[in-house]
C-alpha atoms as a PDB file:
ATOM      1  CA  MET A   1      -8.146  51.911  -2.216  1.00  0.00           C
ATOM      2  CA  VAL A   2      -9.153  48.332  -3.119  1.00  0.00           C
ATOM      3  CA  ASP A   3     -10.414  47.744  -6.644  1.00  0.00           C
ATOM      4  CA  ARG A   4     -13.747  45.989  -5.988  1.00  0.00           C
ATOM      5  CA  ALA A   5     -13.933  44.410  -9.443  1.00  0.00           C
ATOM      6  CA  ALA A   6     -10.452  42.999  -9.047  1.00  0.00           C
ATOM      7  CA  SER A   7     -11.354  41.807  -5.542  1.00  0.00           C
ATOM      8  CA  ALA A   8     -14.436  39.950  -6.820  1.00  0.00           C
ATOM      9  CA  GLU A   9     -12.403  38.311  -9.574  1.00  0.00           C
ATOM     10  CA  LYS A  10      -9.745  37.117  -7.136  1.00  0.00           C
ATOM     11  CA  THR A  11     -12.407  35.795  -4.770  1.00  0.00           C
ATOM     12  CA  ARG A  12     -13.934  33.700  -7.570  1.00  0.00           C
ATOM     13  CA  GLU A  13     -10.537  32.222  -8.390  1.00  0.00           C
ATOM     14  CA  HIS A  14      -9.711  31.480  -4.750  1.00  0.00           C
ATOM     15  CA  PRO A  15     -13.022  30.962  -2.900  1.00  0.00           C
ATOM     16  CA  GLY A  16     -13.064  31.614   0.818  1.00  0.00           C
ATOM     17  CA  SER A  17     -13.642  34.907   2.520  1.00  0.00           C
ATOM     18  CA  GLY A  18     -14.918  37.900   0.642  1.00  0.00           C
ATOM     19  CA  ALA A  19     -11.657  39.738   1.278  1.00  0.00           C
ATOM     20  CA  PRO A  20      -9.186  40.317  -1.555  1.00  0.00           C
ATOM     21  CA  THR A  21      -7.074  37.190  -2.136  1.00  0.00           C
ATOM     22  CA  LEU A  22      -3.361  37.821  -2.136  1.00  0.00           C
ATOM     23  CA  VAL A  23      -1.396  34.950  -3.660  1.00  0.00           C
ATOM     24  CA  GLY A  24       2.135  34.676  -2.283  1.00  0.00           C
ATOM     25  CA  ALA A  25       4.866  32.107  -2.410  1.00  0.00           C
ATOM     26  CA  GLY A  26       4.214  28.497  -1.389  1.00  0.00           C
ATOM     27  CA  PHE A  27       5.966  26.591   1.342  1.00  0.00           C
ATOM     28  CA  ASP A  28       9.748  26.513   1.211  1.00  0.00           C
ATOM     29  CA  ARG A  29      10.547  22.826   0.623  1.00  0.00           C
ATOM     30  CA  GLN A  30      14.059  23.018   2.092  1.00  0.00           C
ATOM     31  CA  ARG A  31      12.774  24.837   5.167  1.00  0.00           C
ATOM     32  CA  GLU A  32      10.042  22.232   5.697  1.00  0.00           C
ATOM     33  CA  LEU A  33      12.656  19.486   5.382  1.00  0.00           C
ATOM     34  CA  ALA A  34      14.928  21.232   7.886  1.00  0.00           C
ATOM     35  CA  ASP A  35      12.097  21.625  10.421  1.00  0.00           C
ATOM     36  CA  PHE A  36      11.060  17.986   9.996  1.00  0.00           C
ATOM     37  CA  LEU A  37      14.614  16.754  10.600  1.00  0.00           C
ATOM     38  CA  ARG A  38      15.027  18.899  13.706  1.00  0.00           C
ATOM     39  CA  GLN A  39      11.752  17.703  15.194  1.00  0.00           C
ATOM     40  CA  THR A  40      12.417  14.010  14.557  1.00  0.00           C
ATOM     41  CA  ARG A  41      16.008  14.293  15.822  1.00  0.00           C
ATOM     42  CA  ALA A  42      14.785  15.942  19.041  1.00  0.00           C
ATOM     43  CA  ARG A  43      12.601  12.985  19.986  1.00  0.00           C
ATOM     44  CA  ILE A  44      15.374  10.330  19.800  1.00  0.00           C
ATOM     45  CA  THR A  45      17.384   9.816  22.996  1.00  0.00           C
ATOM     46  CA  PRO A  46      20.986   8.556  22.955  1.00  0.00           C
ATOM     47  CA  GLU A  47      19.909   5.451  24.873  1.00  0.00           C
ATOM     48  CA  GLN A  48      17.395   4.512  22.144  1.00  0.00           C
ATOM     49  CA  VAL A  49      20.157   4.203  19.545  1.00  0.00           C
ATOM     50  CA  GLY A  50      22.759   2.513  21.747  1.00  0.00           C
ATOM     51  CA  LEU A  51      24.804   5.571  22.672  1.00  0.00           C
ATOM     52  CA  PRO A  52      26.018   6.149  26.230  1.00  0.00           C
ATOM     53  CA  ALA A  53      23.478   7.814  28.474  1.00  0.00           C
ATOM     54  CA  ALA A  54      23.905  11.573  28.607  1.00  0.00           C
ATOM     55  CA  SER A  55      25.671  12.837  31.707  1.00  0.00           C
ATOM     56  CA  GLY A  56      24.586  16.191  33.090  1.00  0.00           C
ATOM     57  CA  HIS A  57      22.392  18.677  31.270  1.00  0.00           C
ATOM     58  CA  ARG A  58      22.172  18.534  27.459  1.00  0.00           C
ATOM     59  CA  ARG A  59      21.314  21.816  25.799  1.00  0.00           C
ATOM     60  CA  THR A  60      20.022  19.913  22.771  1.00  0.00           C
ATOM     61  CA  PRO A  61      16.928  17.728  23.206  1.00  0.00           C
ATOM     62  CA  GLY A  62      17.367  14.305  21.714  1.00  0.00           C
ATOM     63  CA  LEU A  63      20.398  13.523  19.580  1.00  0.00           C
ATOM     64  CA  ARG A  64      23.066  16.030  18.721  1.00  0.00           C
ATOM     65  CA  ARG A  65      23.694  16.731  15.044  1.00  0.00           C
ATOM     66  CA  GLU A  66      27.092  15.033  15.121  1.00  0.00           C
ATOM     67  CA  GLU A  67      25.578  11.949  16.784  1.00  0.00           C
ATOM     68  CA  LEU A  68      22.894  11.604  14.138  1.00  0.00           C
ATOM     69  CA  ALA A  69      25.389  12.201  11.327  1.00  0.00           C
ATOM     70  CA  ALA A  70      27.609   9.428  12.720  1.00  0.00           C
ATOM     71  CA  LEU A  71      24.673   7.028  12.984  1.00  0.00           C
ATOM     72  CA  ALA A  72      23.602   7.805   9.400  1.00  0.00           C
ATOM     73  CA  GLY A  73      27.158   7.599   8.041  1.00  0.00           C
ATOM     74  CA  ILE A  74      27.177  11.095   6.568  1.00  0.00           C
ATOM     75  CA  SER A  75      29.378  14.096   7.282  1.00  0.00           C
ATOM     76  CA  VAL A  76      28.376  16.531  10.009  1.00  0.00           C
ATOM     77  CA  ASP A  77      28.774  19.478   7.618  1.00  0.00           C
ATOM     78  CA  TRP A  78      26.410  17.882   5.105  1.00  0.00           C
ATOM     79  CA  TYR A  79      23.802  17.212   7.789  1.00  0.00           C
ATOM     80  CA  ILE A  80      24.082  20.762   9.149  1.00  0.00           C
ATOM     81  CA  ARG A  81      23.354  22.083   5.658  1.00  0.00           C
ATOM     82  CA  LEU A  82      20.235  19.896   5.570  1.00  0.00           C
ATOM     83  CA  GLU A  83      18.978  21.348   8.849  1.00  0.00           C
ATOM     84  CA  GLN A  84      19.793  24.868   7.753  1.00  0.00           C
ATOM     85  CA  GLY A  85      17.881  24.518   4.490  1.00  0.00           C
ATOM     86  CA  ARG A  86      21.040  24.957   2.408  1.00  0.00           C
ATOM     87  CA  SER A  87      21.395  21.456   1.006  1.00  0.00           C
ATOM     88  CA  GLU A  88      21.144  20.250  -2.538  1.00  0.00           C
ATOM     89  CA  ARG A  89      18.753  17.405  -3.354  1.00  0.00           C
ATOM     90  CA  PRO A  90      19.779  14.498  -1.057  1.00  0.00           C
ATOM     91  CA  SER A  91      20.288  11.084  -2.645  1.00  0.00           C
ATOM     92  CA  PRO A  92      18.001   8.122  -1.836  1.00  0.00           C
ATOM     93  CA  SER A  93      20.870   6.396   0.006  1.00  0.00           C
ATOM     94  CA  VAL A  94      21.289   9.417   2.311  1.00  0.00           C
ATOM     95  CA  LEU A  95      17.550   9.571   2.969  1.00  0.00           C
ATOM     96  CA  ASP A  96      17.390   5.847   3.724  1.00  0.00           C
ATOM     97  CA  SER A  97      20.320   6.170   6.134  1.00  0.00           C
ATOM     98  CA  LEU A  98      18.600   9.074   7.887  1.00  0.00           C
ATOM     99  CA  SER A  99      15.312   7.157   8.003  1.00  0.00           C
ATOM    100  CA  THR A 100      17.026   4.275   9.771  1.00  0.00           C
ATOM    101  CA  ALA A 101      18.973   6.491  12.166  1.00  0.00           C
ATOM    102  CA  LEU A 102      15.853   8.509  13.054  1.00  0.00           C
ATOM    103  CA  ARG A 103      13.713   5.366  13.364  1.00  0.00           C
ATOM    104  CA  LEU A 104      11.105   6.770  11.018  1.00  0.00           C
ATOM    105  CA  THR A 105       7.854   4.959  10.389  1.00  0.00           C
ATOM    106  CA  GLY A 106       6.859   4.060   6.827  1.00  0.00           C
ATOM    107  CA  ASP A 107       4.662   7.164   6.610  1.00  0.00           C
ATOM    108  CA  GLU A 108       7.448   9.379   7.990  1.00  0.00           C
ATOM    109  CA  ARG A 109       9.971   7.925   5.538  1.00  0.00           C
ATOM    110  CA  ALA A 110       7.592   8.658   2.660  1.00  0.00           C
ATOM    111  CA  HIS A 111       7.168  12.207   4.001  1.00  0.00           C
ATOM    112  CA  LEU A 112      10.950  12.652   4.167  1.00  0.00           C
ATOM    113  CA  TYR A 113      11.260  11.616   0.501  1.00  0.00           C
ATOM    114  CA  ALA A 114       8.399  13.911  -0.490  1.00  0.00           C
ATOM    115  CA  LEU A 115      10.043  16.908   1.192  1.00  0.00           C
ATOM    116  CA  ALA A 116      13.587  16.163   0.049  1.00  0.00           C
ATOM    117  CA  ARG A 117      12.970  14.887  -3.488  1.00  0.00           C
ATOM    118  CA  GLY A 118       9.285  15.422  -4.290  1.00  0.00           C
ATOM    119  CA  GLU A 119       8.778  11.701  -4.836  1.00  0.00           C
ATOM    120  CA  ARG A 120       7.915   8.447  -3.117  1.00  0.00           C
ATOM    121  CA  PRO A 121      10.604   6.171  -1.631  1.00  0.00           C
ATOM    122  CA  PRO A 122      12.116   3.684  -4.074  1.00  0.00           C
ATOM    123  CA  LEU A 123      10.016   0.537  -4.167  1.00  0.00           C
ATOM    124  CA  GLU A 124      13.109  -1.662  -4.239  1.00  0.00           C
ATOM    125  CA  THR A 125      13.917  -0.668  -0.665  1.00  0.00           C
ATOM    126  CA  ALA A 126      10.382  -1.064   0.681  1.00  0.00           C
ATOM    127  CA  PRO A 127      10.152  -3.491   3.616  1.00  0.00           C
ATOM    128  CA  ALA A 128       8.743  -6.976   3.158  1.00  0.00           C
ATOM    129  CA  GLU A 129       4.953  -6.994   3.270  1.00  0.00           C
ATOM    130  CA  ARG A 130       3.203  -8.161   6.419  1.00  0.00           C
ATOM    131  CA  VAL A 131      -0.513  -8.513   6.979  1.00  0.00           C
ATOM    132  CA  ASP A 132      -2.119  -5.358   8.323  1.00  0.00           C
ATOM    133  CA  PRO A 133      -3.006  -6.007  12.014  1.00  0.00           C
ATOM    134  CA  GLY A 134      -6.396  -4.331  11.675  1.00  0.00           C
ATOM    135  CA  MET A 135      -7.312  -6.482   8.678  1.00  0.00           C
ATOM    136  CA  GLU A 136      -6.210  -9.620  10.509  1.00  0.00           C
ATOM    137  CA  ARG A 137      -8.295  -8.706  13.568  1.00  0.00           C
ATOM    138  CA  LEU A 138     -11.363  -8.323  11.351  1.00  0.00           C
ATOM    139  CA  LEU A 139     -10.611 -11.659   9.703  1.00  0.00           C
ATOM    140  CA  ARG A 140     -10.243 -13.474  13.043  1.00  0.00           C
ATOM    141  CA  ALA A 141     -13.460 -11.907  14.343  1.00  0.00           C
ATOM    142  CA  LEU A 142     -15.468 -13.602  11.579  1.00  0.00           C
ATOM    143  CA  PRO A 143     -16.949 -17.086  12.066  1.00  0.00           C
ATOM    144  CA  GLU A 144     -14.588 -19.764  10.740  1.00  0.00           C
ATOM    145  CA  ASP A 145     -17.215 -20.951   8.269  1.00  0.00           C
ATOM    146  CA  THR A 146     -17.427 -17.465   6.692  1.00  0.00           C
ATOM    147  CA  PRO A 147     -14.796 -17.602   3.911  1.00  0.00           C
ATOM    148  CA  ALA A 148     -12.380 -14.685   4.183  1.00  0.00           C
ATOM    149  CA  TYR A 149      -8.780 -13.820   3.374  1.00  0.00           C
ATOM    150  CA  VAL A 150      -6.437 -10.829   3.172  1.00  0.00           C
ATOM    151  CA  LEU A 151      -4.669  -9.954  -0.093  1.00  0.00           C
ATOM    152  CA  GLY A 152      -1.377  -8.054  -0.284  1.00  0.00           C
ATOM    153  CA  TRP A 153      -0.218  -5.630  -2.972  1.00  0.00           C
ATOM    154  CA  ARG A 154       0.784  -8.505  -5.310  1.00  0.00           C
ATOM    155  CA  TRP A 155      -2.323 -10.443  -4.334  1.00  0.00           C
ATOM    156  CA  ASP A 156      -0.392 -12.844  -2.173  1.00  0.00           C
ATOM    157  CA  ILE A 157      -2.792 -14.347   0.371  1.00  0.00           C
ATOM    158  CA  LEU A 158      -1.374 -13.055   3.651  1.00  0.00           C
ATOM    159  CA  ALA A 159      -3.996 -14.455   6.052  1.00  0.00           C
ATOM    160  CA  TRP A 160      -7.076 -16.679   5.736  1.00  0.00           C
ATOM    161  CA  ASN A 161      -9.548 -18.788   7.675  1.00  0.00           C
ATOM    162  CA  ARG A 162     -10.892 -22.294   7.402  1.00  0.00           C
ATOM    163  CA  GLY A 163     -13.877 -21.152   5.364  1.00  0.00           C
ATOM    164  CA  ALA A 164     -11.576 -19.846   2.606  1.00  0.00           C
ATOM    165  CA  CYS A 165      -9.876 -23.240   2.428  1.00  0.00           C
ATOM    166  CA  ASP A 166     -13.236 -25.009   2.123  1.00  0.00           C
ATOM    167  CA  LEU A 167     -14.535 -22.657  -0.584  1.00  0.00           C
ATOM    168  CA  LEU A 168     -11.406 -22.130  -2.711  1.00  0.00           C
ATOM    169  CA  VAL A 169      -8.423 -24.378  -2.058  1.00  0.00           C
ATOM    170  CA  ASP A 170      -6.637 -25.774   0.995  1.00  0.00           C
ATOM    171  CA  LEU A 171      -4.297 -22.841   1.640  1.00  0.00           C
ATOM    172  CA  ASP A 172      -2.857 -24.534   4.724  1.00  0.00           C
ATOM    173  CA  ALA A 173      -1.426 -27.279   2.517  1.00  0.00           C
ATOM    174  CA  LEU A 174       0.321 -24.871   0.120  1.00  0.00           C
ATOM    175  CA  THR A 175       3.809 -23.436   0.414  1.00  0.00           C
ATOM    176  CA  PRO A 176       3.970 -19.649   0.960  1.00  0.00           C
ATOM    177  CA  ALA A 177       5.280 -19.136  -2.585  1.00  0.00           C
ATOM    178  CA  ARG A 178       2.097 -20.668  -4.029  1.00  0.00           C
ATOM    179  CA  ARG A 179      -0.355 -18.667  -1.919  1.00  0.00           C
ATOM    180  CA  ASN A 180      -1.108 -16.098  -4.580  1.00  0.00           C
ATOM    181  CA  LEU A 181      -4.703 -15.613  -5.685  1.00  0.00           C
ATOM    182  CA  VAL A 182      -3.918 -14.898  -9.345  1.00  0.00           C
ATOM    183  CA  GLU A 183      -1.548 -17.848  -9.695  1.00  0.00           C
ATOM    184  CA  LEU A 184      -4.069 -20.178  -8.059  1.00  0.00           C
ATOM    185  CA  MET A 185      -6.863 -18.848 -10.267  1.00  0.00           C
ATOM    186  CA  PHE A 186      -4.951 -19.650 -13.473  1.00  0.00           C
ATOM    187  CA  LEU A 187      -2.634 -22.535 -12.594  1.00  0.00           C
ATOM    188  CA  ASP A 188      -4.326 -24.591  -9.854  1.00  0.00           C
ATOM    189  CA  ALA A 189      -6.639 -27.186 -11.405  1.00  0.00           C
ATOM    190  CA  GLY A 190      -8.439 -27.808  -8.126  1.00  0.00           C
ATOM    191  CA  MET A 191      -9.316 -24.158  -7.644  1.00  0.00           C
ATOM    192  CA  ARG A 192     -10.317 -23.727 -11.288  1.00  0.00           C
ATOM    193  CA  SER A 193     -12.770 -26.596 -10.922  1.00  0.00           C
ATOM    194  CA  ARG A 194     -14.552 -24.833  -8.039  1.00  0.00           C
ATOM    195  CA  TYR A 195     -15.922 -22.124 -10.364  1.00  0.00           C
ATOM    196  CA  LEU A 196     -18.897 -22.815 -12.612  1.00  0.00           C
ATOM    197  CA  ASP A 197     -18.011 -19.719 -14.677  1.00  0.00           C
ATOM    198  CA  TRP A 198     -14.212 -19.946 -14.544  1.00  0.00           C
ATOM    199  CA  GLU A 199     -13.428 -17.893 -17.678  1.00  0.00           C
ATOM    200  CA  GLU A 200     -15.673 -15.020 -16.620  1.00  0.00           C
ATOM    201  CA  VAL A 201     -14.311 -15.024 -13.055  1.00  0.00           C
ATOM    202  CA  ALA A 202     -10.685 -15.389 -14.134  1.00  0.00           C
ATOM    203  CA  ARG A 203     -10.865 -12.545 -16.629  1.00  0.00           C
ATOM    204  CA  LEU A 204     -12.496 -10.260 -14.062  1.00  0.00           C
ATOM    205  CA  THR A 205      -9.921 -11.322 -11.458  1.00  0.00           C
ATOM    206  CA  LEU A 206      -7.144 -10.340 -13.841  1.00  0.00           C
ATOM    207  CA  ALA A 207      -8.764  -6.934 -14.480  1.00  0.00           C
ATOM    208  CA  ASN A 208      -9.057  -6.404 -10.703  1.00  0.00           C
ATOM    209  CA  PHE A 209      -5.447  -7.470 -10.215  1.00  0.00           C
ATOM    210  CA  ARG A 210      -4.174  -5.129 -12.910  1.00  0.00           C
ATOM    211  CA  ALA A 211      -5.991  -2.152 -11.393  1.00  0.00           C
ATOM    212  CA  ALA A 212      -4.619  -2.928  -7.931  1.00  0.00           C
ATOM    213  CA  LEU A 213      -1.079  -3.515  -9.240  1.00  0.00           C
ATOM    214  CA  ALA A 214      -0.721  -0.097 -10.878  1.00  0.00           C
ATOM    215  CA  ARG A 215       0.729   1.563  -7.752  1.00  0.00           C
ATOM    216  CA  ASN A 216       3.502  -1.037  -7.616  1.00  0.00           C
ATOM    217  CA  ILE A 217       3.887  -1.848 -11.306  1.00  0.00           C
ATOM    218  CA  ASP A 218       7.660  -1.268 -11.265  1.00  0.00           C
ATOM    219  CA  GLN A 219       8.302  -3.724  -8.453  1.00  0.00           C
ATOM    220  CA  PRO A 220      10.471  -6.558  -9.793  1.00  0.00           C
ATOM    221  CA  GLU A 221       8.286  -9.090  -7.963  1.00  0.00           C
ATOM    222  CA  ALA A 222       5.294  -7.870  -9.963  1.00  0.00           C
ATOM    223  CA  LYS A 223       7.005  -8.421 -13.308  1.00  0.00           C
ATOM    224  CA  ALA A 224       8.293 -11.820 -12.218  1.00  0.00           C
ATOM    225  CA  LEU A 225       4.758 -12.973 -11.395  1.00  0.00           C
ATOM    226  CA  VAL A 226       3.275 -11.629 -14.641  1.00  0.00           C
ATOM    227  CA  ASP A 227       6.073 -13.172 -16.736  1.00  0.00           C
ATOM    228  CA  HIS A 228       5.614 -16.526 -14.992  1.00  0.00           C
ATOM    229  CA  LEU A 229       1.858 -16.560 -15.571  1.00  0.00           C
ATOM    230  CA  SER A 230       2.146 -15.333 -19.176  1.00  0.00           C
ATOM    231  CA  ASP A 231       4.523 -18.202 -19.928  1.00  0.00           C
ATOM    232  CA  SER A 232       2.362 -20.747 -18.097  1.00  0.00           C
ATOM    233  CA  ASP A 233      -1.190 -19.999 -19.216  1.00  0.00           C
ATOM    234  CA  PRO A 234      -2.394 -18.806 -22.647  1.00  0.00           C
ATOM    235  CA  HIS A 235      -5.563 -17.263 -21.188  1.00  0.00           C
ATOM    236  CA  PHE A 236      -3.513 -15.087 -18.853  1.00  0.00           C
ATOM    237  CA  ALA A 237      -1.171 -13.991 -21.653  1.00  0.00           C
ATOM    238  CA  GLN A 238      -4.091 -13.124 -23.961  1.00  0.00           C
ATOM    239  CA  TRP A 239      -6.113 -11.208 -21.369  1.00  0.00           C
ATOM    240  CA  TRP A 240      -3.112  -9.418 -19.859  1.00  0.00           C
ATOM    241  CA  ASP A 241      -2.400  -7.859 -23.256  1.00  0.00           C
ATOM    242  CA  LEU A 242      -5.927  -6.402 -23.362  1.00  0.00           C
ATOM    243  CA  HIS A 243      -5.131  -4.000 -20.479  1.00  0.00           C
ATOM    244  CA  GLU A 244      -8.584  -4.413 -18.967  1.00  0.00           C
ATOM    245  CA  VAL A 245      -8.871  -2.802 -15.523  1.00  0.00           C
ATOM    246  CA  GLN A 246     -11.636  -2.806 -12.946  1.00  0.00           C
ATOM    247  CA  GLU A 247     -11.419  -2.217  -9.217  1.00  0.00           C
ATOM    248  CA  LYS A 248     -12.382  -5.172  -7.063  1.00  0.00           C
ATOM    249  CA  SER A 249     -15.639  -4.372  -5.258  1.00  0.00           C
ATOM    250  CA  SER A 250     -18.512  -6.819  -4.826  1.00  0.00           C
ATOM    251  CA  GLY A 251     -20.743  -9.243  -6.676  1.00  0.00           C
ATOM    252  CA  VAL A 252     -21.869 -12.870  -6.778  1.00  0.00           C
ATOM    253  CA  LYS A 253     -19.847 -15.884  -7.914  1.00  0.00           C
ATOM    254  CA  ARG A 254     -21.168 -19.361  -8.669  1.00  0.00           C
ATOM    255  CA  PHE A 255     -19.249 -22.237  -7.109  1.00  0.00           C
ATOM    256  CA  ARG A 256     -19.636 -25.965  -7.676  1.00  0.00           C
ATOM    257  CA  GLY A 257     -20.963 -27.604  -4.515  1.00  0.00           C
ATOM    258  CA  PRO A 258     -20.023 -31.082  -3.296  1.00  0.00           C
ATOM    259  CA  ASP A 259     -23.104 -32.474  -5.052  1.00  0.00           C
ATOM    260  CA  GLY A 260     -22.259 -30.659  -8.286  1.00  0.00           C
ATOM    261  CA  GLU A 261     -25.073 -28.161  -7.802  1.00  0.00           C
ATOM    262  CA  PRO A 262     -24.281 -24.427  -8.032  1.00  0.00           C
ATOM    263  CA  ASN A 263     -23.747 -22.495  -4.821  1.00  0.00           C
ATOM    264  CA  HIS A 264     -24.020 -18.712  -5.008  1.00  0.00           C
ATOM    265  CA  TRP A 265     -21.713 -16.645  -2.811  1.00  0.00           C
ATOM    266  CA  HIS A 266     -21.657 -12.876  -2.452  1.00  0.00           C
ATOM    267  CA  PHE A 267     -18.194 -11.357  -2.080  1.00  0.00           C
ATOM    268  CA  GLN A 268     -17.200  -7.980  -0.657  1.00  0.00           C
ATOM    269  CA  SER A 269     -13.783  -6.292  -0.837  1.00  0.00           C
ATOM    270  CA  VAL A 270     -12.721  -3.989   2.005  1.00  0.00           C
ATOM    271  CA  LEU A 271      -9.581  -1.848   1.623  1.00  0.00           C
ATOM    272  CA  SER A 272      -7.361  -1.343   4.656  1.00  0.00           C
ATOM    273  CA  PRO A 273      -7.401   2.299   5.824  1.00  0.00           C
ATOM    274  CA  SER A 274      -3.784   2.079   7.012  1.00  0.00           C
ATOM    275  CA  SER A 275      -2.264  -0.212   4.351  1.00  0.00           C
ATOM    276  CA  GLY A 276      -3.931   0.911   1.153  1.00  0.00           C
ATOM    277  CA  ASP A 277      -2.572  -1.960  -0.933  1.00  0.00           C
ATOM    278  CA  GLN A 278      -4.142  -4.628   1.292  1.00  0.00           C
ATOM    279  CA  ARG A 279      -7.769  -5.722   1.218  1.00  0.00           C
ATOM    280  CA  LEU A 280     -10.007  -8.134   3.108  1.00  0.00           C
ATOM    281  CA  ILE A 281     -12.255 -10.338   0.956  1.00  0.00           C
ATOM    282  CA  VAL A 282     -15.336 -11.792   2.665  1.00  0.00           C
ATOM    283  CA  TYR A 283     -17.832 -14.291   1.207  1.00  0.00           C
ATOM    284  CA  THR A 284     -21.401 -14.739   2.446  1.00  0.00           C
ATOM    285  CA  PRO A 285     -24.124 -16.977   0.979  1.00  0.00           C
ATOM    286  CA  ALA A 286     -26.148 -15.172  -1.675  1.00  0.00           C
ATOM    287  CA  THR A 287     -29.755 -15.326  -0.568  1.00  0.00           C
ATOM    288  CA  GLY A 288     -31.869 -14.312  -3.528  1.00  0.00           C
ATOM    289  CA  PRO A 289     -32.272 -12.958  -7.056  1.00  0.00           C
ATOM    290  CA  ASP A 290     -31.667  -9.369  -5.931  1.00  0.00           C
ATOM    291  CA  GLU A 291     -27.996 -10.076  -5.239  1.00  0.00           C
ATOM    292  CA  PRO A 292     -25.763  -8.147  -7.716  1.00  0.00           C
ATOM    293  CA  PRO A 293     -24.064 -10.262 -10.384  1.00  0.00           C
ATOM    294  CA  LEU A 294     -20.393 -10.071 -11.240  1.00  0.00           C
ATOM    295  CA  PRO A 295     -19.379  -6.649 -12.598  1.00  0.00           C
ATOM    296  CA  GLN A 296     -19.105  -6.635 -16.372  1.00  0.00           C
ATOM    297  CA  LEU A 297     -15.886  -5.770 -18.195  1.00  0.00           C
END
């Protein structure tokens, strides 16, 4: 007979149906890893990885275990243990070799690491950043006189239009190494002169940058940029030490027009749904007093 008091208590702890909640074991991590490897191996044909085309009927769909092990540079016995859920915790080098051999996407590689090690892939082996195609399509769909650009995880400017050059700085004339929004904000005299409230904007930009950088804070490229700016600008060094953080969202900035008069521009930040560290920044003319000001730190 079911104890109704105990049933009610369990239901409160684990809401759902009114039936008694029985808590069992969670997923078996090694078994999930084994199933994932089998499924991804089954979808790769020998021809896709440069092996001779299979002659006759193959009992195994996709690659054989020994073929995948050879491609990944690991022993067949070790790989069999992985697929049988009997392996110890695989090393990052083994997982990267398997990711390459199985032609995993970035999301699939991250999933492999999560199953095998309960962690994200090492940042040092992450591929070089490219602009998200969806973000670039949105950028190119905008009128050229609507300032817009795409920022990467380190706030490198990955794509831009003519309007961004007219409002901020001529990005077309800069080398790729200099196309970084934070570096331009603090070290480019021409861009600094565009802002009527440079200190307020620069400090908020740094707080936005720090919040966005947190996911990749242990990337060596991140430290190199921060060290360079700390050595080059006293404002950056002072404000970086304050650890102020604020997500980039929207607001109004005042720019110096060609005639010296202030021009008000509303900015909006849009995160990429597929590349979470990239964002599209769009500026439109601010039309009236109801426009929101810059967020306050």
